[in-house]
Every structure is written in structure tokens, then in C-alpha cells.
Amino acid sequence: MRKIITSVVLFLTPLFVVAEETLPEIDVYKSPTCGCCTKWVRHLEDSGFSVVAHNVENLNDYKLKANLPYSLGSCHTAFIDGYAIEGHVPASDIKRLLVEKPSIRGLAVPGMPIGSPGMEFGDRKDPYQTIGYTKDGLTRVFASH
């Protein structure tokens, strides 16, 4: 049994490595003074993403480009592989988005929920959802955390 498990792990490991190496670059637009945005960027980098962080004074143009419904807003906006990412979306949700490629405009974690990536506060972790949304403003829960 141990040989089988070892064989499976050795077989699958390169698949995960290739997946990490082929992640597209993500452009993040954030305020230069926002500490939680910087922590979220670090979370993405630690998860294998190549991040280009842009410090901007006004995020409104990027939120418009993202077709972001006002109710889904947060403190930073990102773009990856044709999708918009708003707020403290976990890297695992972005990876799932890139694999599944749903017909949506993007993902959002509205507000700044405690315990989401970049919003860590001790052991506290409030429940939150990652929302998928379309250009027309339709929404659905993509993941619950």
C-alpha cells in the first residue's frame, strides 16, 4: 500500500508544479497606504502567483473596467486572464476560477471580512463568501469560507 501511495504522490506532484508555474500574471490596483492590500498581494505570491502591484490614488476607473456592482466593492481590484478580482478573494478561489473558466466577469469578496486573506486578526475568522458576478450584475455564491 505504501508503494502505491508513494507512486501516486510522485505521479501527481509534477502536475501541481506545472499548474503553479503556468499561473497567469495578476495585476493588482491598490492604494499605496493600504496595509491589508499589501498582505493580500503577499498571500497571492505565497500561493504561486506572479503579481504586479500598482499603487494608485483612485480605484474608481478600475472598478468601472471590472463592471463591478457597487454592492460588491472592496479596497483593491485585480485583473487576471480576462477576469476581474475584487477584494480579499482567496488564492484558491482564483485558481479554481482559472481551471473552471465560468462565464462570469469576475469574483468579489465584498467589504473586508476579518479572517480573509490579508485581513487576518489573531484567531478570529468571520464567515464570508466569494461572489461570482456577470457584466450584467447577476451574482451567485462561488465559495463559502
N, C-alpha and C. Protein backbone atom coordinates (compact mmCIF):
# COMPACT_ATOMS: atom_id res chain seq x y z
N MET A 1 0.83 -1.20 0.00
CA MET A 1 0.00 0.00 0.00
C MET A 1 0.87 1.26 0.00
N ARG A 2 1.94 1.23 0.78
CA ARG A 2 2.84 2.39 0.86
C ARG A 2 3.44 2.70 -0.51
N LYS A 3 3.77 1.64 -1.28
CA LYS A 3 4.34 1.84 -2.62
C LYS A 3 3.33 2.50 -3.55
N ILE A 4 2.08 2.11 -3.42
CA ILE A 4 1.03 2.70 -4.26
C ILE A 4 0.86 4.17 -3.94
N ILE A 5 0.80 4.50 -2.67
CA ILE A 5 0.64 5.90 -2.26
C ILE A 5 1.83 6.72 -2.73
N THR A 6 3.04 6.18 -2.54
CA THR A 6 4.24 6.89 -2.99
C THR A 6 4.20 7.10 -4.50
N SER A 7 3.78 6.09 -5.25
CA SER A 7 3.70 6.21 -6.71
C SER A 7 2.71 7.29 -7.12
N VAL A 8 1.56 7.32 -6.47
CA VAL A 8 0.54 8.32 -6.79
C VAL A 8 1.06 9.72 -6.49
N VAL A 9 1.69 9.90 -5.33
CA VAL A 9 2.23 11.21 -4.96
C VAL A 9 3.29 11.64 -5.95
N LEU A 10 4.19 10.74 -6.31
CA LEU A 10 5.25 11.08 -7.27
C LEU A 10 4.68 11.41 -8.64
N PHE A 11 3.60 10.72 -9.02
CA PHE A 11 2.96 10.99 -10.31
C PHE A 11 2.26 12.34 -10.32
N LEU A 12 1.56 12.67 -9.24
CA LEU A 12 0.76 13.89 -9.20
C LEU A 12 1.57 15.14 -8.90
N THR A 13 2.68 15.02 -8.20
CA THR A 13 3.47 16.19 -7.83
C THR A 13 3.85 17.05 -9.02
N PRO A 14 4.35 16.49 -10.13
CA PRO A 14 4.67 17.35 -11.28
C PRO A 14 3.45 18.09 -11.82
N LEU A 15 2.27 17.50 -11.72
CA LEU A 15 1.07 18.18 -12.21
C LEU A 15 0.81 19.44 -11.41
N PHE A 16 0.99 19.38 -10.10
CA PHE A 16 0.80 20.56 -9.27
C PHE A 16 1.87 21.60 -9.54
N VAL A 17 3.10 21.16 -9.75
CA VAL A 17 4.20 22.08 -10.04
C VAL A 17 3.94 22.79 -11.35
N VAL A 18 3.52 22.05 -12.38
CA VAL A 18 3.22 22.67 -13.67
C VAL A 18 2.08 23.67 -13.51
N ALA A 19 1.04 23.31 -12.75
CA ALA A 19 -0.08 24.22 -12.55
C ALA A 19 0.39 25.51 -11.90
N GLU A 20 1.28 25.42 -10.91
CA GLU A 20 1.79 26.62 -10.26
C GLU A 20 2.62 27.46 -11.22
N GLU A 21 3.44 26.80 -12.05
CA GLU A 21 4.32 27.52 -12.96
C GLU A 21 3.57 28.21 -14.08
N THR A 22 2.39 27.72 -14.41
CA THR A 22 1.66 28.28 -15.54
C THR A 22 0.57 29.27 -15.13
N LEU A 23 0.56 29.66 -13.89
CA LEU A 23 -0.43 30.66 -13.47
C LEU A 23 -0.17 31.97 -14.20
N PRO A 24 -1.21 32.57 -14.75
CA PRO A 24 -1.00 33.86 -15.42
C PRO A 24 -0.69 34.96 -14.41
N GLU A 25 -0.06 36.00 -14.90
CA GLU A 25 0.27 37.16 -14.07
C GLU A 25 -1.02 37.86 -13.65
N ILE A 26 -1.03 38.40 -12.45
CA ILE A 26 -2.19 39.13 -11.95
C ILE A 26 -1.78 40.58 -11.67
N ASP A 27 -2.56 41.51 -12.20
CA ASP A 27 -2.34 42.94 -11.97
C ASP A 27 -3.27 43.40 -10.86
N VAL A 28 -2.69 43.97 -9.81
CA VAL A 28 -3.45 44.43 -8.65
C VAL A 28 -3.36 45.95 -8.57
N TYR A 29 -4.51 46.59 -8.45
CA TYR A 29 -4.59 48.05 -8.30
C TYR A 29 -5.06 48.33 -6.88
N LYS A 30 -4.22 49.09 -6.14
CA LYS A 30 -4.48 49.31 -4.72
C LYS A 30 -3.99 50.68 -4.30
N SER A 31 -4.46 51.10 -3.16
CA SER A 31 -3.98 52.35 -2.56
C SER A 31 -2.57 52.13 -2.02
N PRO A 32 -1.69 53.12 -2.18
CA PRO A 32 -0.33 52.96 -1.66
C PRO A 32 -0.26 52.89 -0.14
N THR A 33 -1.31 53.29 0.55
CA THR A 33 -1.29 53.31 2.01
C THR A 33 -2.07 52.17 2.66
N CYS A 34 -2.58 51.25 1.85
CA CYS A 34 -3.43 50.18 2.39
C CYS A 34 -2.60 48.95 2.76
N GLY A 35 -2.48 48.70 4.06
CA GLY A 35 -1.71 47.57 4.54
C GLY A 35 -2.33 46.22 4.23
N CYS A 36 -3.66 46.13 4.30
CA CYS A 36 -4.30 44.84 4.05
C CYS A 36 -4.17 44.44 2.58
N CYS A 37 -4.13 45.43 1.68
CA CYS A 37 -3.93 45.13 0.26
C CYS A 37 -2.55 44.53 0.04
N THR A 38 -1.55 45.09 0.71
CA THR A 38 -0.18 44.57 0.60
C THR A 38 -0.11 43.15 1.14
N LYS A 39 -0.83 42.86 2.22
CA LYS A 39 -0.86 41.50 2.77
C LYS A 39 -1.54 40.54 1.80
N TRP A 40 -2.59 41.00 1.10
CA TRP A 40 -3.28 40.15 0.12
C TRP A 40 -2.34 39.84 -1.05
N VAL A 41 -1.59 40.83 -1.50
CA VAL A 41 -0.60 40.61 -2.56
C VAL A 41 0.39 39.54 -2.12
N ARG A 42 0.87 39.63 -0.89
CA ARG A 42 1.81 38.63 -0.36
C ARG A 42 1.16 37.25 -0.33
N HIS A 43 -0.12 37.17 0.04
CA HIS A 43 -0.86 35.90 0.04
C HIS A 43 -0.86 35.30 -1.37
N LEU A 44 -1.09 36.12 -2.39
CA LEU A 44 -1.08 35.62 -3.76
C LEU A 44 0.30 35.12 -4.15
N GLU A 45 1.32 35.89 -3.82
CA GLU A 45 2.70 35.48 -4.15
C GLU A 45 3.06 34.18 -3.44
N ASP A 46 2.68 34.05 -2.18
CA ASP A 46 2.95 32.82 -1.43
C ASP A 46 2.20 31.63 -2.02
N SER A 47 1.15 31.89 -2.78
CA SER A 47 0.35 30.84 -3.41
C SER A 47 0.77 30.57 -4.85
N GLY A 48 1.88 31.17 -5.28
CA GLY A 48 2.43 30.86 -6.60
C GLY A 48 2.13 31.85 -7.70
N PHE A 49 1.42 32.92 -7.40
CA PHE A 49 1.09 33.91 -8.43
C PHE A 49 2.24 34.90 -8.62
N SER A 50 2.41 35.33 -9.85
CA SER A 50 3.30 36.45 -10.16
C SER A 50 2.42 37.70 -10.15
N VAL A 51 2.71 38.62 -9.23
CA VAL A 51 1.85 39.77 -9.01
C VAL A 51 2.55 41.05 -9.44
N VAL A 52 1.83 41.87 -10.20
CA VAL A 52 2.29 43.23 -10.49
C VAL A 52 1.35 44.16 -9.73
N ALA A 53 1.87 44.79 -8.68
CA ALA A 53 1.06 45.67 -7.84
C ALA A 53 1.23 47.11 -8.30
N HIS A 54 0.10 47.76 -8.55
CA HIS A 54 0.08 49.16 -8.99
C HIS A 54 -0.51 50.01 -7.87
N ASN A 55 0.26 50.94 -7.35
CA ASN A 55 -0.25 51.88 -6.35
C ASN A 55 -0.92 53.04 -7.07
N VAL A 56 -2.22 53.21 -6.84
CA VAL A 56 -2.98 54.26 -7.50
C VAL A 56 -3.78 55.03 -6.45
N GLU A 57 -4.02 56.29 -6.73
CA GLU A 57 -4.77 57.13 -5.79
C GLU A 57 -6.28 56.95 -5.92
N ASN A 58 -6.76 56.60 -7.12
CA ASN A 58 -8.19 56.49 -7.36
C ASN A 58 -8.48 55.15 -8.03
N LEU A 59 -9.28 54.33 -7.38
CA LEU A 59 -9.60 53.00 -7.89
C LEU A 59 -10.87 52.96 -8.74
N ASN A 60 -11.59 54.07 -8.81
CA ASN A 60 -12.89 54.07 -9.49
C ASN A 60 -12.81 53.60 -10.93
N ASP A 61 -11.81 54.05 -11.68
CA ASP A 61 -11.69 53.64 -13.08
C ASP A 61 -11.51 52.13 -13.21
N TYR A 62 -10.80 51.54 -12.29
CA TYR A 62 -10.55 50.09 -12.34
C TYR A 62 -11.80 49.31 -11.96
N LYS A 63 -12.58 49.86 -11.04
CA LYS A 63 -13.83 49.21 -10.67
C LYS A 63 -14.84 49.30 -11.82
N LEU A 64 -14.82 50.41 -12.56
CA LEU A 64 -15.66 50.52 -13.75
C LEU A 64 -15.22 49.53 -14.82
N LYS A 65 -13.92 49.43 -15.04
CA LYS A 65 -13.37 48.46 -16.01
C LYS A 65 -13.78 47.04 -15.64
N ALA A 66 -13.90 46.77 -14.34
CA ALA A 66 -14.26 45.45 -13.85
C ALA A 66 -15.77 45.20 -13.91
N ASN A 67 -16.56 46.19 -14.34
CA ASN A 67 -18.02 46.07 -14.34
C ASN A 67 -18.54 45.69 -12.96
N LEU A 68 -17.93 46.22 -11.94
CA LEU A 68 -18.20 45.81 -10.57
C LEU A 68 -19.48 46.44 -10.04
N PRO A 69 -20.45 45.62 -9.62
CA PRO A 69 -21.61 46.19 -8.93
C PRO A 69 -21.16 46.87 -7.63
N TYR A 70 -21.74 48.00 -7.33
CA TYR A 70 -21.34 48.78 -6.15
C TYR A 70 -21.37 47.95 -4.87
N SER A 71 -22.36 47.09 -4.76
CA SER A 71 -22.54 46.30 -3.53
C SER A 71 -21.42 45.29 -3.30
N LEU A 72 -20.59 45.04 -4.31
CA LEU A 72 -19.51 44.06 -4.17
C LEU A 72 -18.15 44.70 -3.92
N GLY A 73 -18.12 46.01 -3.74
CA GLY A 73 -16.86 46.73 -3.64
C GLY A 73 -16.02 46.38 -2.42
N SER A 74 -14.71 46.57 -2.60
CA SER A 74 -13.75 46.39 -1.52
C SER A 74 -12.59 47.35 -1.75
N CYS A 75 -11.43 47.05 -1.19
CA CYS A 75 -10.35 48.03 -1.18
C CYS A 75 -9.33 47.88 -2.30
N HIS A 76 -9.37 46.83 -3.09
CA HIS A 76 -8.45 46.70 -4.22
C HIS A 76 -9.12 45.91 -5.34
N THR A 77 -8.64 46.13 -6.56
CA THR A 77 -9.19 45.49 -7.74
C THR A 77 -8.04 44.88 -8.53
N ALA A 78 -8.25 43.68 -9.05
CA ALA A 78 -7.20 43.00 -9.81
C ALA A 78 -7.78 42.41 -11.09
N PHE A 79 -6.88 42.12 -12.01
CA PHE A 79 -7.28 41.51 -13.28
C PHE A 79 -6.33 40.37 -13.61
N ILE A 80 -6.92 39.24 -14.03
CA ILE A 80 -6.13 38.07 -14.39
C ILE A 80 -6.87 37.27 -15.45
N ASP A 81 -6.20 37.03 -16.55
CA ASP A 81 -6.71 36.15 -17.60
C ASP A 81 -8.14 36.51 -18.04
N GLY A 82 -8.44 37.79 -18.14
CA GLY A 82 -9.76 38.24 -18.58
C GLY A 82 -10.80 38.35 -17.48
N TYR A 83 -10.44 38.00 -16.26
CA TYR A 83 -11.36 38.09 -15.13
C TYR A 83 -10.96 39.25 -14.22
N ALA A 84 -11.96 39.81 -13.54
CA ALA A 84 -11.73 40.83 -12.52
C ALA A 84 -11.81 40.15 -11.15
N ILE A 85 -10.99 40.61 -10.24
CA ILE A 85 -10.97 40.09 -8.87
C ILE A 85 -11.08 41.29 -7.94
N GLU A 86 -12.09 41.30 -7.09
CA GLU A 86 -12.32 42.44 -6.19
C GLU A 86 -12.20 41.99 -4.74
N GLY A 87 -11.34 42.67 -4.00
CA GLY A 87 -11.26 42.42 -2.57
C GLY A 87 -10.41 41.21 -2.21
N HIS A 88 -10.65 40.71 -1.02
CA HIS A 88 -9.80 39.70 -0.39
C HIS A 88 -10.18 38.28 -0.80
N VAL A 89 -10.20 38.03 -2.10
CA VAL A 89 -10.53 36.71 -2.64
C VAL A 89 -9.36 35.76 -2.37
N PRO A 90 -9.61 34.59 -1.78
CA PRO A 90 -8.53 33.64 -1.54
C PRO A 90 -7.89 33.16 -2.85
N ALA A 91 -6.59 32.93 -2.80
CA ALA A 91 -5.87 32.44 -3.98
C ALA A 91 -6.48 31.13 -4.49
N SER A 92 -6.96 30.29 -3.59
CA SER A 92 -7.55 29.01 -4.01
C SER A 92 -8.80 29.24 -4.86
N ASP A 93 -9.57 30.27 -4.57
CA ASP A 93 -10.74 30.59 -5.39
C ASP A 93 -10.32 31.08 -6.77
N ILE A 94 -9.26 31.87 -6.83
CA ILE A 94 -8.77 32.36 -8.12
C ILE A 94 -8.25 31.20 -8.95
N LYS A 95 -7.54 30.28 -8.33
CA LYS A 95 -7.05 29.10 -9.06
C LYS A 95 -8.22 28.27 -9.59
N ARG A 96 -9.24 28.10 -8.78
CA ARG A 96 -10.43 27.36 -9.22
C ARG A 96 -11.08 28.07 -10.40
N LEU A 97 -11.18 29.40 -10.33
CA LEU A 97 -11.74 30.20 -11.42
C LEU A 97 -10.97 29.94 -12.71
N LEU A 98 -9.65 29.91 -12.63
CA LEU A 98 -8.82 29.73 -13.82
C LEU A 98 -8.94 28.33 -14.40
N VAL A 99 -9.23 27.34 -13.57
CA VAL A 99 -9.41 25.97 -14.04
C VAL A 99 -10.80 25.79 -14.65
N GLU A 100 -11.83 26.26 -13.94
CA GLU A 100 -13.21 26.04 -14.37
C GLU A 100 -13.63 26.98 -15.49
N LYS A 101 -13.06 28.17 -15.54
CA LYS A 101 -13.37 29.19 -16.56
C LYS A 101 -14.87 29.41 -16.76
N PRO A 102 -15.59 29.76 -15.70
CA PRO A 102 -17.03 30.01 -15.85
C PRO A 102 -17.29 31.29 -16.66
N SER A 103 -18.48 31.40 -17.18
CA SER A 103 -18.87 32.58 -17.97
C SER A 103 -19.33 33.69 -17.03
N ILE A 104 -18.38 34.28 -16.33
CA ILE A 104 -18.66 35.38 -15.42
C ILE A 104 -17.63 36.47 -15.67
N ARG A 105 -17.88 37.66 -15.16
CA ARG A 105 -16.92 38.75 -15.29
C ARG A 105 -15.82 38.65 -14.25
N GLY A 106 -16.19 38.18 -13.04
CA GLY A 106 -15.16 38.09 -12.03
C GLY A 106 -15.66 37.58 -10.70
N LEU A 107 -14.77 37.68 -9.71
CA LEU A 107 -15.05 37.26 -8.34
C LEU A 107 -14.88 38.45 -7.40
N ALA A 108 -15.64 38.44 -6.33
CA ALA A 108 -15.52 39.52 -5.34
C ALA A 108 -15.76 38.97 -3.94
N VAL A 109 -15.01 39.51 -3.00
CA VAL A 109 -15.30 39.35 -1.58
C VAL A 109 -15.64 40.76 -1.11
N PRO A 110 -16.94 41.05 -0.97
CA PRO A 110 -17.35 42.41 -0.59
C PRO A 110 -16.84 42.80 0.79
N GLY A 111 -16.53 44.07 0.94
CA GLY A 111 -16.08 44.57 2.22
C GLY A 111 -14.69 44.06 2.56
N MET A 112 -14.45 43.90 3.82
CA MET A 112 -13.14 43.47 4.30
C MET A 112 -13.34 42.51 5.47
N PRO A 113 -13.81 41.28 5.20
CA PRO A 113 -14.13 40.35 6.29
C PRO A 113 -12.88 39.91 7.07
N ILE A 114 -13.00 39.95 8.38
CA ILE A 114 -11.91 39.51 9.25
C ILE A 114 -11.66 38.02 9.00
N GLY A 115 -10.38 37.69 8.82
CA GLY A 115 -10.00 36.30 8.59
C GLY A 115 -9.81 35.95 7.13
N SER A 116 -10.23 36.84 6.23
CA SER A 116 -9.97 36.60 4.81
C SER A 116 -8.50 36.92 4.54
N PRO A 117 -7.93 36.44 3.42
CA PRO A 117 -6.51 36.70 3.15
C PRO A 117 -6.20 38.20 3.16
N GLY A 118 -5.23 38.58 3.97
CA GLY A 118 -4.87 39.98 4.12
C GLY A 118 -5.58 40.67 5.27
N MET A 119 -6.61 40.04 5.79
CA MET A 119 -7.40 40.61 6.89
C MET A 119 -7.33 39.74 8.14
N GLU A 120 -6.20 39.08 8.32
CA GLU A 120 -6.03 38.22 9.49
C GLU A 120 -6.00 39.06 10.76
N PHE A 121 -6.64 38.55 11.79
CA PHE A 121 -6.70 39.24 13.08
C PHE A 121 -6.71 38.17 14.17
N GLY A 122 -5.53 37.74 14.59
CA GLY A 122 -5.43 36.68 15.58
C GLY A 122 -6.09 35.41 15.07
N ASP A 123 -6.85 34.76 15.94
CA ASP A 123 -7.54 33.53 15.57
C ASP A 123 -8.95 33.79 15.04
N ARG A 124 -9.36 35.04 15.03
CA ARG A 124 -10.73 35.36 14.59
C ARG A 124 -10.86 35.15 13.08
N LYS A 125 -11.94 34.48 12.71
CA LYS A 125 -12.22 34.26 11.30
C LYS A 125 -13.73 34.33 11.10
N ASP A 126 -14.21 35.45 10.61
CA ASP A 126 -15.64 35.61 10.35
C ASP A 126 -16.01 34.87 9.07
N PRO A 127 -17.21 34.30 9.01
CA PRO A 127 -17.63 33.65 7.77
C PRO A 127 -17.82 34.70 6.67
N TYR A 128 -17.47 34.32 5.44
CA TYR A 128 -17.67 35.21 4.30
C TYR A 128 -17.83 34.38 3.04
N GLN A 129 -18.27 35.03 1.99
CA GLN A 129 -18.47 34.36 0.71
C GLN A 129 -17.70 35.06 -0.39
N THR A 130 -17.23 34.25 -1.34
CA THR A 130 -16.70 34.78 -2.59
C THR A 130 -17.85 34.73 -3.58
N ILE A 131 -18.14 35.87 -4.19
CA ILE A 131 -19.27 36.01 -5.10
C ILE A 131 -18.78 36.08 -6.54
N GLY A 132 -19.38 35.29 -7.41
CA GLY A 132 -19.14 35.41 -8.84
C GLY A 132 -20.18 36.37 -9.40
N TYR A 133 -19.77 37.21 -10.36
CA TYR A 133 -20.72 38.16 -10.94
C TYR A 133 -20.51 38.29 -12.44
N THR A 134 -21.59 38.66 -13.13
CA THR A 134 -21.54 38.83 -14.58
C THR A 134 -21.47 40.31 -14.93
N LYS A 135 -21.24 40.61 -16.20
CA LYS A 135 -21.21 42.00 -16.66
C LYS A 135 -22.56 42.68 -16.44
N ASP A 136 -23.63 41.87 -16.42
CA ASP A 136 -24.97 42.40 -16.23
C ASP A 136 -25.34 42.57 -14.76
N GLY A 137 -24.42 42.23 -13.86
CA GLY A 137 -24.68 42.42 -12.44
C GLY A 137 -25.32 41.24 -11.75
N LEU A 138 -25.51 40.12 -12.46
CA LEU A 138 -26.05 38.93 -11.81
C LEU A 138 -24.97 38.34 -10.91
N THR A 139 -25.38 37.82 -9.76
CA THR A 139 -24.42 37.28 -8.80
C THR A 139 -24.83 35.88 -8.35
N ARG A 140 -23.81 35.14 -7.92
CA ARG A 140 -24.05 33.84 -7.30
C ARG A 140 -22.87 33.54 -6.39
N VAL A 141 -23.10 32.72 -5.38
CA VAL A 141 -22.03 32.34 -4.47
C VAL A 141 -21.08 31.39 -5.20
N PHE A 142 -19.82 31.75 -5.22
CA PHE A 142 -18.78 30.92 -5.83
C PHE A 142 -18.15 30.01 -4.78
N ALA A 143 -17.97 30.53 -3.56
CA ALA A 143 -17.39 29.74 -2.47
C ALA A 143 -17.79 30.36 -1.14
N SER A 144 -17.91 29.52 -0.13
CA SER A 144 -18.18 29.98 1.23
C SER A 144 -16.99 29.62 2.11
N HIS A 145 -16.62 30.56 2.96
CA HIS A 145 -15.45 30.36 3.83
C HIS A 145 -15.83 30.64 5.27
